[in-house]
Amino acid sequence: MNKSELVAAMSAKSELTKKDCETALKAFTDVVEAELKKGGKIQLVGFGTFEVIKRKAREGRNPATGATMKIKASKAPKFKPGKGLKDAVNKKK
């Protein structure tokens, strides 16, 4: 599902216009991005948690040449699904 399909599905489910759903989706992604940039986390009970993880600097290999190279420390966004979402996905039909 891409963004336009998601907006259409949200519109059908909520009876809001596609424009309103697109605005809401944009606001949601902007708020999540801003909070993660600050190093915070967003916890939606039953759905999951958005947070930032820190990766340590490490050595890696260039796959083309096999040469050793240093990989800098970095931060990465992470989503950890909640129990409600896991149960919904694993529910037998």
PDB file of N, CA and C in Angstrom:
ATOM      1  N   MET A   1       0.849  -1.170   0.000  1.00  0.00           N
ATOM      2  CA  MET A   1       0.000   0.000   0.000  1.00  0.00           C
ATOM      3  C   MET A   1       0.900   1.240   0.000  1.00  0.00           C
ATOM      4  N   ASN A   2       0.643   2.146  -0.910  1.00  0.00           N
ATOM      5  CA  ASN A   2       1.405   3.389  -0.941  1.00  0.00           C
ATOM      6  C   ASN A   2       0.619   4.500  -0.238  1.00  0.00           C
ATOM      7  N   LYS A   3       1.181   5.703  -0.229  1.00  0.00           N
ATOM      8  CA  LYS A   3       0.574   6.805   0.519  1.00  0.00           C
ATOM      9  C   LYS A   3      -0.829   7.141   0.020  1.00  0.00           C
ATOM     10  N   SER A   4      -1.018   7.228  -1.297  1.00  0.00           N
ATOM     11  CA  SER A   4      -2.348   7.584  -1.820  1.00  0.00           C
ATOM     12  C   SER A   4      -3.376   6.503  -1.513  1.00  0.00           C
ATOM     13  N   GLU A   5      -2.983   5.239  -1.546  1.00  0.00           N
ATOM     14  CA  GLU A   5      -3.889   4.145  -1.188  1.00  0.00           C
ATOM     15  C   GLU A   5      -4.226   4.199   0.307  1.00  0.00           C
ATOM     16  N   LEU A   6      -3.235   4.547   1.129  1.00  0.00           N
ATOM     17  CA  LEU A   6      -3.468   4.681   2.558  1.00  0.00           C
ATOM     18  C   LEU A   6      -4.451   5.814   2.840  1.00  0.00           C
ATOM     19  N   VAL A   7      -4.262   6.948   2.183  1.00  0.00           N
ATOM     20  CA  VAL A   7      -5.164   8.088   2.363  1.00  0.00           C
ATOM     21  C   VAL A   7      -6.584   7.712   1.939  1.00  0.00           C
ATOM     22  N   ALA A   8      -6.723   6.998   0.823  1.00  0.00           N
ATOM     23  CA  ALA A   8      -8.041   6.568   0.346  1.00  0.00           C
ATOM     24  C   ALA A   8      -8.697   5.608   1.349  1.00  0.00           C
ATOM     25  N   ALA A   9      -7.918   4.675   1.896  1.00  0.00           N
ATOM     26  CA  ALA A   9      -8.454   3.730   2.874  1.00  0.00           C
ATOM     27  C   ALA A   9      -8.861   4.438   4.162  1.00  0.00           C
ATOM     28  N   MET A  10      -8.056   5.393   4.595  1.00  0.00           N
ATOM     29  CA  MET A  10      -8.392   6.170   5.786  1.00  0.00           C
ATOM     30  C   MET A  10      -9.679   6.964   5.561  1.00  0.00           C
ATOM     31  N   SER A  11      -9.816   7.518   4.377  1.00  0.00           N
ATOM     32  CA  SER A  11     -11.003   8.298   4.034  1.00  0.00           C
ATOM     33  C   SER A  11     -12.254   7.428   4.062  1.00  0.00           C
ATOM     34  N   ALA A  12     -12.152   6.228   3.493  1.00  0.00           N
ATOM     35  CA  ALA A  12     -13.297   5.315   3.462  1.00  0.00           C
ATOM     36  C   ALA A  12     -13.673   4.853   4.870  1.00  0.00           C
ATOM     37  N   LYS A  13     -12.679   4.614   5.699  1.00  0.00           N
ATOM     38  CA  LYS A  13     -12.920   4.103   7.052  1.00  0.00           C
ATOM     39  C   LYS A  13     -13.471   5.184   7.991  1.00  0.00           C
ATOM     40  N   SER A  14     -13.014   6.419   7.806  1.00  0.00           N
ATOM     41  CA  SER A  14     -13.371   7.481   8.743  1.00  0.00           C
ATOM     42  C   SER A  14     -14.482   8.407   8.258  1.00  0.00           C
ATOM     43  N   GLU A  15     -14.860   8.286   7.019  1.00  0.00           N
ATOM     44  CA  GLU A  15     -15.854   9.156   6.401  1.00  0.00           C
ATOM     45  C   GLU A  15     -15.394  10.620   6.358  1.00  0.00           C
ATOM     46  N   LEU A  16     -14.079  10.841   6.388  1.00  0.00           N
ATOM     47  CA  LEU A  16     -13.503  12.163   6.193  1.00  0.00           C
ATOM     48  C   LEU A  16     -13.104  12.292   4.723  1.00  0.00           C
ATOM     49  N   THR A  17     -12.887  13.507   4.265  1.00  0.00           N
ATOM     50  CA  THR A  17     -12.456  13.685   2.878  1.00  0.00           C
ATOM     51  C   THR A  17     -11.010  13.207   2.732  1.00  0.00           C
ATOM     52  N   LYS A  18     -10.624  12.909   1.502  1.00  0.00           N
ATOM     53  CA  LYS A  18      -9.246  12.501   1.248  1.00  0.00           C
ATOM     54  C   LYS A  18      -8.279  13.614   1.633  1.00  0.00           C
ATOM     55  N   LYS A  19      -8.671  14.853   1.379  1.00  0.00           N
ATOM     56  CA  LYS A  19      -7.813  15.992   1.714  1.00  0.00           C
ATOM     57  C   LYS A  19      -7.599  16.077   3.227  1.00  0.00           C
ATOM     58  N   ASP A  20      -8.672  15.887   4.008  1.00  0.00           N
ATOM     59  CA  ASP A  20      -8.543  15.913   5.464  1.00  0.00           C
ATOM     60  C   ASP A  20      -7.660  14.770   5.962  1.00  0.00           C
ATOM     61  N   CYS A  21      -7.814  13.596   5.369  1.00  0.00           N
ATOM     62  CA  CYS A  21      -7.005  12.441   5.762  1.00  0.00           C
ATOM     63  C   CYS A  21      -5.537  12.657   5.403  1.00  0.00           C
ATOM     64  N   GLU A  22      -5.287  13.249   4.250  1.00  0.00           N
ATOM     65  CA  GLU A  22      -3.910  13.525   3.853  1.00  0.00           C
ATOM     66  C   GLU A  22      -3.279  14.543   4.806  1.00  0.00           C
ATOM     67  N   THR A  23      -4.039  15.547   5.217  1.00  0.00           N
ATOM     68  CA  THR A  23      -3.551  16.541   6.175  1.00  0.00           C
ATOM     69  C   THR A  23      -3.248  15.885   7.520  1.00  0.00           C
ATOM     70  N   ALA A  24      -4.123  14.997   7.973  1.00  0.00           N
ATOM     71  CA  ALA A  24      -3.925  14.293   9.244  1.00  0.00           C
ATOM     72  C   ALA A  24      -2.697  13.384   9.181  1.00  0.00           C
ATOM     73  N   LEU A  25      -2.535  12.676   8.080  1.00  0.00           N
ATOM     74  CA  LEU A  25      -1.380  11.787   7.921  1.00  0.00           C
ATOM     75  C   LEU A  25      -0.081  12.587   7.916  1.00  0.00           C
ATOM     76  N   LYS A  26      -0.074  13.721   7.220  1.00  0.00           N
ATOM     77  CA  LYS A  26       1.110  14.586   7.168  1.00  0.00           C
ATOM     78  C   LYS A  26       1.430  15.116   8.557  1.00  0.00           C
ATOM     79  N   ALA A  27       0.409  15.532   9.305  1.00  0.00           N
ATOM     80  CA  ALA A  27       0.616  16.026  10.666  1.00  0.00           C
ATOM     81  C   ALA A  27       1.195  14.930  11.552  1.00  0.00           C
ATOM     82  N   PHE A  28       0.678  13.705  11.424  1.00  0.00           N
ATOM     83  CA  PHE A  28       1.170  12.580  12.213  1.00  0.00           C
ATOM     84  C   PHE A  28       2.644  12.315  11.921  1.00  0.00           C
ATOM     85  N   THR A  29       3.006  12.231  10.643  1.00  0.00           N
ATOM     86  CA  THR A  29       4.403  11.942  10.292  1.00  0.00           C
ATOM     87  C   THR A  29       5.323  13.081  10.717  1.00  0.00           C
ATOM     88  N   ASP A  30       4.857  14.330  10.619  1.00  0.00           N
ATOM     89  CA  ASP A  30       5.667  15.470  11.052  1.00  0.00           C
ATOM     90  C   ASP A  30       5.921  15.436  12.559  1.00  0.00           C
ATOM     91  N   VAL A  31       4.892  15.114  13.338  1.00  0.00           N
ATOM     92  CA  VAL A  31       5.035  15.054  14.793  1.00  0.00           C
ATOM     93  C   VAL A  31       5.975  13.912  15.190  1.00  0.00           C
ATOM     94  N   VAL A  32       5.829  12.746  14.575  1.00  0.00           N
ATOM     95  CA  VAL A  32       6.713  11.614  14.871  1.00  0.00           C
ATOM     96  C   VAL A  32       8.159  11.989  14.541  1.00  0.00           C
ATOM     97  N   GLU A  33       8.380  12.572  13.369  1.00  0.00           N
ATOM     98  CA  GLU A  33       9.731  12.962  12.958  1.00  0.00           C
ATOM     99  C   GLU A  33      10.336  13.971  13.934  1.00  0.00           C
ATOM    100  N   ALA A  34       9.570  14.986  14.320  1.00  0.00           N
ATOM    101  CA  ALA A  34      10.072  16.008  15.241  1.00  0.00           C
ATOM    102  C   ALA A  34      10.428  15.410  16.602  1.00  0.00           C
ATOM    103  N   GLU A  35       9.588  14.527  17.100  1.00  0.00           N
ATOM    104  CA  GLU A  35       9.844  13.913  18.409  1.00  0.00           C
ATOM    105  C   GLU A  35      11.084  13.025  18.367  1.00  0.00           C
ATOM    106  N   LEU A  36      11.250  12.252  17.293  1.00  0.00           N
ATOM    107  CA  LEU A  36      12.416  11.379  17.171  1.00  0.00           C
ATOM    108  C   LEU A  36      13.692  12.190  16.991  1.00  0.00           C
ATOM    109  N   LYS A  37      13.623  13.318  16.301  1.00  0.00           N
ATOM    110  CA  LYS A  37      14.798  14.189  16.157  1.00  0.00           C
ATOM    111  C   LYS A  37      15.261  14.696  17.516  1.00  0.00           C
ATOM    112  N   LYS A  38      14.315  14.940  18.431  1.00  0.00           N
ATOM    113  CA  LYS A  38      14.655  15.402  19.779  1.00  0.00           C
ATOM    114  C   LYS A  38      15.182  14.262  20.645  1.00  0.00           C
ATOM    115  N   GLY A  39      15.107  13.036  20.152  1.00  0.00           N
ATOM    116  CA  GLY A  39      15.557  11.886  20.926  1.00  0.00           C
ATOM    117  C   GLY A  39      14.458  11.262  21.770  1.00  0.00           C
ATOM    118  N   GLY A  40      13.234  11.726  21.595  1.00  0.00           N
ATOM    119  CA  GLY A  40      12.110  11.199  22.363  1.00  0.00           C
ATOM    120  C   GLY A  40      11.538   9.936  21.751  1.00  0.00           C
ATOM    121  N   LYS A  41      10.431   9.495  22.329  1.00  0.00           N
ATOM    122  CA  LYS A  41       9.745   8.338  21.759  1.00  0.00           C
ATOM    123  C   LYS A  41       8.247   8.555  21.851  1.00  0.00           C
ATOM    124  N   ILE A  42       7.531   7.894  20.957  1.00  0.00           N
ATOM    125  CA  ILE A  42       6.075   7.986  20.918  1.00  0.00           C
ATOM    126  C   ILE A  42       5.525   6.592  21.154  1.00  0.00           C
ATOM    127  N   GLN A  43       4.696   6.474  22.187  1.00  0.00           N
ATOM    128  CA  GLN A  43       4.143   5.178  22.560  1.00  0.00           C
ATOM    129  C   GLN A  43       2.636   5.207  22.351  1.00  0.00           C
ATOM    130  N   LEU A  44       2.153   4.349  21.468  1.00  0.00           N
ATOM    131  CA  LEU A  44       0.722   4.212  21.206  1.00  0.00           C
ATOM    132  C   LEU A  44       0.307   2.840  21.747  1.00  0.00           C
ATOM    133  N   VAL A  45      -0.312   2.840  22.906  1.00  0.00           N
ATOM    134  CA  VAL A  45      -0.652   1.591  23.592  1.00  0.00           C
ATOM    135  C   VAL A  45      -1.509   0.712  22.681  1.00  0.00           C
ATOM    136  N   GLY A  46      -1.112  -0.537  22.545  1.00  0.00           N
ATOM    137  CA  GLY A  46      -1.821  -1.498  21.707  1.00  0.00           C
ATOM    138  C   GLY A  46      -1.358  -1.492  20.263  1.00  0.00           C
ATOM    139  N   PHE A  47      -0.695  -0.414  19.842  1.00  0.00           N
ATOM    140  CA  PHE A  47      -0.224  -0.330  18.456  1.00  0.00           C
ATOM    141  C   PHE A  47       1.282  -0.511  18.384  1.00  0.00           C
ATOM    142  N   GLY A  48       2.029   0.324  19.096  1.00  0.00           N
ATOM    143  CA  GLY A  48       3.475   0.185  19.084  1.00  0.00           C
ATOM    144  C   GLY A  48       4.185   1.448  19.534  1.00  0.00           C
ATOM    145  N   THR A  49       5.519   1.389  19.466  1.00  0.00           N
ATOM    146  CA  THR A  49       6.357   2.485  19.933  1.00  0.00           C
ATOM    147  C   THR A  49       7.350   2.880  18.846  1.00  0.00           C
ATOM    148  N   PHE A  50       7.433   4.185  18.602  1.00  0.00           N
ATOM    149  CA  PHE A  50       8.444   4.747  17.716  1.00  0.00           C
ATOM    150  C   PHE A  50       9.545   5.302  18.609  1.00  0.00           C
ATOM    151  N   GLU A  51      10.808   4.935  18.347  1.00  0.00           N
ATOM    152  CA  GLU A  51      11.917   5.435  19.143  1.00  0.00           C
ATOM    153  C   GLU A  51      13.186   5.483  18.304  1.00  0.00           C
ATOM    154  N   VAL A  52      14.235   6.063  18.889  1.00  0.00           N
ATOM    155  CA  VAL A  52      15.523   6.173  18.209  1.00  0.00           C
ATOM    156  C   VAL A  52      16.499   5.228  18.894  1.00  0.00           C
ATOM    157  N   ILE A  53      17.229   4.455  18.097  1.00  0.00           N
ATOM    158  CA  ILE A  53      18.275   3.599  18.650  1.00  0.00           C
ATOM    159  C   ILE A  53      19.623   4.159  18.207  1.00  0.00           C
ATOM    160  N   LYS A  54      20.630   3.930  19.034  1.00  0.00           N
ATOM    161  CA  LYS A  54      21.985   4.389  18.716  1.00  0.00           C
ATOM    162  C   LYS A  54      22.812   3.190  18.281  1.00  0.00           C
ATOM    163  N   ARG A  55      23.466   3.346  17.149  1.00  0.00           N
ATOM    164  CA  ARG A  55      24.352   2.292  16.647  1.00  0.00           C
ATOM    165  C   ARG A  55      25.794   2.713  16.902  1.00  0.00           C
ATOM    166  N   LYS A  56      26.586   1.808  17.432  1.00  0.00           N
ATOM    167  CA  LYS A  56      27.981   2.099  17.720  1.00  0.00           C
ATOM    168  C   LYS A  56      28.799   2.107  16.432  1.00  0.00           C
ATOM    169  N   ALA A  57      29.932   2.789  16.469  1.00  0.00           N
ATOM    170  CA  ALA A  57      30.867   2.747  15.345  1.00  0.00           C
ATOM    171  C   ALA A  57      31.411   1.323  15.253  1.00  0.00           C
ATOM    172  N   ARG A  58      31.665   0.879  14.041  1.00  0.00           N
ATOM    173  CA  ARG A  58      32.154  -0.489  13.860  1.00  0.00           C
ATOM    174  C   ARG A  58      32.949  -0.601  12.568  1.00  0.00           C
ATOM    175  N   GLU A  59      33.588  -1.730  12.406  1.00  0.00           N
ATOM    176  CA  GLU A  59      34.319  -1.998  11.164  1.00  0.00           C
ATOM    177  C   GLU A  59      33.463  -2.853  10.253  1.00  0.00           C
ATOM    178  N   GLY A  60      33.531  -2.543   8.976  1.00  0.00           N
ATOM    179  CA  GLY A  60      32.803  -3.319   7.992  1.00  0.00           C
ATOM    180  C   GLY A  60      33.694  -3.610   6.802  1.00  0.00           C
ATOM    181  N   ARG A  61      33.140  -4.242   5.804  1.00  0.00           N
ATOM    182  CA  ARG A  61      33.905  -4.548   4.594  1.00  0.00           C
ATOM    183  C   ARG A  61      33.186  -3.986   3.378  1.00  0.00           C
ATOM    184  N   ASN A  62      33.958  -3.438   2.476  1.00  0.00           N
ATOM    185  CA  ASN A  62      33.427  -2.986   1.197  1.00  0.00           C
ATOM    186  C   ASN A  62      33.108  -4.239   0.392  1.00  0.00           C
ATOM    187  N   PRO A  63      31.853  -4.456   0.012  1.00  0.00           N
ATOM    188  CA  PRO A  63      31.508  -5.693  -0.691  1.00  0.00           C
ATOM    189  C   PRO A  63      32.152  -5.806  -2.075  1.00  0.00           C
ATOM    190  N   ALA A  64      32.475  -4.682  -2.687  1.00  0.00           N
ATOM    191  CA  ALA A  64      33.070  -4.722  -4.025  1.00  0.00           C
ATOM    192  C   ALA A  64      34.550  -5.097  -3.976  1.00  0.00           C
ATOM    193  N   THR A  65      35.282  -4.540  -2.989  1.00  0.00           N
ATOM    194  CA  THR A  65      36.732  -4.758  -2.943  1.00  0.00           C
ATOM    195  C   THR A  65      37.164  -5.671  -1.812  1.00  0.00           C
ATOM    196  N   GLY A  66      36.316  -5.829  -0.808  1.00  0.00           N
ATOM    197  CA  GLY A  66      36.682  -6.640   0.353  1.00  0.00           C
ATOM    198  C   GLY A  66      37.535  -5.877   1.351  1.00  0.00           C
ATOM    199  N   ALA A  67      37.836  -4.611   1.061  1.00  0.00           N
ATOM    200  CA  ALA A  67      38.671  -3.795   1.945  1.00  0.00           C
ATOM    201  C   ALA A  67      37.916  -3.461   3.225  1.00  0.00           C
ATOM    202  N   THR A  68      38.654  -3.390   4.340  1.00  0.00           N
ATOM    203  CA  THR A  68      38.074  -3.020   5.624  1.00  0.00           C
ATOM    204  C   THR A  68      37.812  -1.514   5.636  1.00  0.00           C
ATOM    205  N   MET A  69      36.667  -1.130   6.216  1.00  0.00           N
ATOM    206  CA  MET A  69      36.345   0.287   6.314  1.00  0.00           C
ATOM    207  C   MET A  69      35.669   0.553   7.644  1.00  0.00           C
ATOM    208  N   LYS A  70      35.752   1.815   8.098  1.00  0.00           N
ATOM    209  CA  LYS A  70      35.129   2.184   9.357  1.00  0.00           C
ATOM    210  C   LYS A  70      33.727   2.724   9.076  1.00  0.00           C
ATOM    211  N   ILE A  71      32.773   2.277   9.860  1.00  0.00           N
ATOM    212  CA  ILE A  71      31.398   2.751   9.765  1.00  0.00           C
ATOM    213  C   ILE A  71      31.152   3.610  10.996  1.00  0.00           C
ATOM    214  N   LYS A  72      30.753   4.869  10.784  1.00  0.00           N
ATOM    215  CA  LYS A  72      30.552   5.816  11.873  1.00  0.00           C
ATOM    216  C   LYS A  72      29.353   5.425  12.738  1.00  0.00           C
ATOM    217  N   ALA A  73      29.368   5.895  13.971  1.00  0.00           N
ATOM    218  CA  ALA A  73      28.220   5.728  14.859  1.00  0.00           C
ATOM    219  C   ALA A  73      27.052   6.517  14.271  1.00  0.00           C
ATOM    220  N   SER A  74      25.846   6.025  14.471  1.00  0.00           N
ATOM    221  CA  SER A  74      24.676   6.708  13.922  1.00  0.00           C
ATOM    222  C   SER A  74      23.446   6.427  14.778  1.00  0.00           C
ATOM    223  N   LYS A  75      22.401   7.162  14.472  1.00  0.00           N
ATOM    224  CA  LYS A  75      21.104   6.949  15.109  1.00  0.00           C
ATOM    225  C   LYS A  75      20.149   6.456  14.031  1.00  0.00           C
ATOM    226  N   ALA A  76      19.189   5.629  14.424  1.00  0.00           N
ATOM    227  CA  ALA A  76      18.222   5.102  13.458  1.00  0.00           C
ATOM    228  C   ALA A  76      16.844   5.032  14.105  1.00  0.00           C
ATOM    229  N   PRO A  77      15.797   5.384  13.356  1.00  0.00           N
ATOM    230  CA  PRO A  77      14.450   5.242  13.893  1.00  0.00           C
ATOM    231  C   PRO A  77      14.065   3.767  13.969  1.00  0.00           C
ATOM    232  N   LYS A  78      13.259   3.424  14.959  1.00  0.00           N
ATOM    233  CA  LYS A  78      12.843   2.031  15.143  1.00  0.00           C
ATOM    234  C   LYS A  78      11.373   2.014  15.529  1.00  0.00           C
ATOM    235  N   PHE A  79      10.645   1.038  15.017  1.00  0.00           N
ATOM    236  CA  PHE A  79       9.260   0.824  15.418  1.00  0.00           C
ATOM    237  C   PHE A  79       9.173  -0.546  16.061  1.00  0.00           C
ATOM    238  N   LYS A  80       8.633  -0.575  17.266  1.00  0.00           N
ATOM    239  CA  LYS A  80       8.443  -1.834  17.983  1.00  0.00           C
ATOM    240  C   LYS A  80       6.939  -2.053  18.112  1.00  0.00           C
ATOM    241  N   PRO A  81       6.389  -3.070  17.439  1.00  0.00           N
ATOM    242  CA  PRO A  81       4.943  -3.289  17.496  1.00  0.00           C
ATOM    243  C   PRO A  81       4.476  -3.675  18.894  1.00  0.00           C
ATOM    244  N   GLY A  82       3.262  -3.235  19.230  1.00  0.00           N
ATOM    245  CA  GLY A  82       2.656  -3.555  20.519  1.00  0.00           C
ATOM    246  C   GLY A  82       1.903  -4.876  20.464  1.00  0.00           C
ATOM    247  N   LYS A  83       1.483  -5.340  21.608  1.00  0.00           N
ATOM    248  CA  LYS A  83       0.799  -6.631  21.704  1.00  0.00           C
ATOM    249  C   LYS A  83      -0.483  -6.657  20.875  1.00  0.00           C
ATOM    250  N   GLY A  84      -1.252  -5.581  20.900  1.00  0.00           N
ATOM    251  CA  GLY A  84      -2.503  -5.538  20.151  1.00  0.00           C
ATOM    252  C   GLY A  84      -2.289  -5.701  18.664  1.00  0.00           C
ATOM    253  N   LEU A  85      -1.267  -5.027  18.125  1.00  0.00           N
ATOM    254  CA  LEU A  85      -0.949  -5.131  16.703  1.00  0.00           C
ATOM    255  C   LEU A  85      -0.438  -6.526  16.364  1.00  0.00           C
ATOM    256  N   LYS A  86       0.429  -7.064  17.205  1.00  0.00           N
ATOM    257  CA  LYS A  86       0.948  -8.423  16.971  1.00  0.00           C
ATOM    258  C   LYS A  86      -0.183  -9.443  16.958  1.00  0.00           C
ATOM    259  N   ASP A  87      -1.088  -9.321  17.940  1.00  0.00           N
ATOM    260  CA  ASP A  87      -2.217 -10.247  18.016  1.00  0.00           C
ATOM    261  C   ASP A  87      -3.120 -10.129  16.790  1.00  0.00           C
ATOM    262  N   ALA A  88      -3.366  -8.908  16.335  1.00  0.00           N
ATOM    263  CA  ALA A  88      -4.221  -8.698  15.156  1.00  0.00           C
ATOM    264  C   ALA A  88      -3.603  -9.306  13.911  1.00  0.00           C
ATOM    265  N   VAL A  89      -2.296  -9.179  13.761  1.00  0.00           N
ATOM    266  CA  VAL A  89      -1.606  -9.724  12.586  1.00  0.00           C
ATOM    267  C   VAL A  89      -1.584 -11.247  12.625  1.00  0.00           C
ATOM    268  N   ASN A  90      -1.436 -11.813  13.818  1.00  0.00           N
ATOM    269  CA  ASN A  90      -1.328 -13.270  13.942  1.00  0.00           C
ATOM    270  C   ASN A  90      -2.666 -13.968  14.147  1.00  0.00           C
ATOM    271  N   LYS A  91      -3.750 -13.221  14.193  1.00  0.00           N
ATOM    272  CA  LYS A  91      -5.080 -13.801  14.401  1.00  0.00           C
ATOM    273  C   LYS A  91      -5.451 -14.710  13.229  1.00  0.00           C
ATOM    274  N   LYS A  92      -5.921 -15.895  13.562  1.00  0.00           N
ATOM    275  CA  LYS A  92      -6.342 -16.836  12.504  1.00  0.00           C
ATOM    276  C   LYS A  92      -7.726 -16.475  12.038  1.00  0.00           C
ATOM    277  N   LYS A  93      -7.925 -16.602  10.732  1.00  0.00           N
ATOM    278  CA  LYS A  93      -9.226 -16.248  10.146  1.00  0.00           C
ATOM    279  C   LYS A  93     -10.217 -17.351  10.254  1.00  0.00           C
TER     280      LYS A  93
END
